[in-house]
Protein backbone atom coordinates (compact mmCIF):
# COMPACT_ATOMS: atom_id res chain seq x y z
CA UNK A 1 0.45 -0.13 0.15
CA UNK A 2 1.75 3.00 -1.06
CA UNK A 3 1.53 6.36 1.90
CA UNK A 4 0.98 9.99 0.62
CA UNK A 5 3.22 12.40 2.95
CA UNK A 6 1.70 15.61 3.54
CA UNK A 7 3.02 18.88 4.72
CA UNK A 8 1.10 20.86 7.03
CA UNK A 9 3.32 24.03 5.23
CA UNK A 10 2.41 26.38 3.09
CA UNK A 11 5.70 25.42 1.05
CA UNK A 12 8.76 23.55 0.80
CA UNK A 13 12.40 24.77 0.86
CA UNK A 14 14.92 23.53 -0.51
CA UNK A 15 18.40 24.00 1.34
CA UNK A 16 20.65 23.92 -0.94
CA UNK A 17 19.68 25.91 -3.49
CA UNK A 18 18.97 29.84 -3.39
CA UNK A 19 15.64 28.34 -6.41
CA UNK A 20 13.97 32.91 -5.29
CA UNK A 21 11.80 33.37 -8.65
CA UNK A 22 13.43 36.12 -10.84
CA UNK A 23 10.44 39.23 -10.82
CA UNK A 24 8.00 38.78 -14.00
CA UNK A 25 9.70 35.72 -14.77
CA UNK A 26 9.87 31.86 -14.40
CA UNK A 27 13.89 31.83 -14.09
CA UNK A 28 14.78 30.52 -9.77
CA UNK A 29 17.97 31.06 -8.80
CA UNK A 30 20.70 28.49 -9.32
CA UNK A 31 22.69 29.91 -7.09
CA UNK A 32 23.47 27.49 -3.41
CA UNK A 33 21.34 28.75 -0.34
CA UNK A 34 22.42 31.47 1.56
CA UNK A 35 24.91 32.75 -0.54
CA UNK A 36 25.44 37.25 -0.55
CA UNK A 37 24.43 39.56 -3.25
CA UNK A 38 22.17 38.94 -6.19
CA UNK A 39 20.09 36.39 -7.60
CA UNK A 40 21.17 34.51 -10.58
CA UNK A 41 20.12 31.72 -13.01
CA UNK A 42 23.27 30.06 -14.95
CA UNK A 43 21.21 28.30 -17.98
CA UNK A 44 19.64 31.86 -19.13
CA UNK A 45 20.77 34.61 -21.62
CA UNK A 46 23.25 34.71 -24.59
CA UNK A 47 26.02 32.97 -26.00
CA UNK A 48 29.10 33.92 -25.13
CA UNK A 49 31.81 31.44 -26.87
CA UNK A 50 29.22 28.63 -26.04
CA UNK A 51 28.62 29.60 -23.21
CA UNK A 52 24.92 30.47 -20.75
CA UNK A 53 26.59 34.10 -19.90
CA UNK A 54 23.23 34.08 -17.87
CA UNK A 55 21.00 36.05 -16.42
CA UNK A 56 21.29 38.80 -13.16
CA UNK A 57 18.76 40.05 -10.50
CA UNK A 58 18.53 42.37 -7.60
CA UNK A 59 17.74 40.64 -3.85
CA UNK A 60 14.63 42.36 -2.70
CA UNK A 61 14.15 42.60 0.85
CA UNK A 62 11.94 39.29 2.97
CA UNK A 63 12.01 36.94 -0.71
CA UNK A 64 11.52 33.97 0.37
CA UNK A 65 10.91 30.08 -1.23
CA UNK A 66 7.64 30.40 -1.19
CA UNK A 67 6.37 32.54 -4.48
C-alpha cells in the first residue's frame, strides 16, 4: 500500500539551492542557499563563446522561496 506524506507548511524549501524566482519571470536562482549579493540563473541569457552567460537580478527585502 502506498502512503502519501503531507506537509502542514505552505511551501517546501530546497535547502541547498536558493531557488528565488526572478521578478516577472519564471527563472529561479541556481546559486547555493544563503548566498550573498544578486541572484543568478546560470542556464539562461545569451551565448558567449559557446556558453550561456546567465541572468542576474537584485535581492529583494524579505523574499522567501514561497513565491
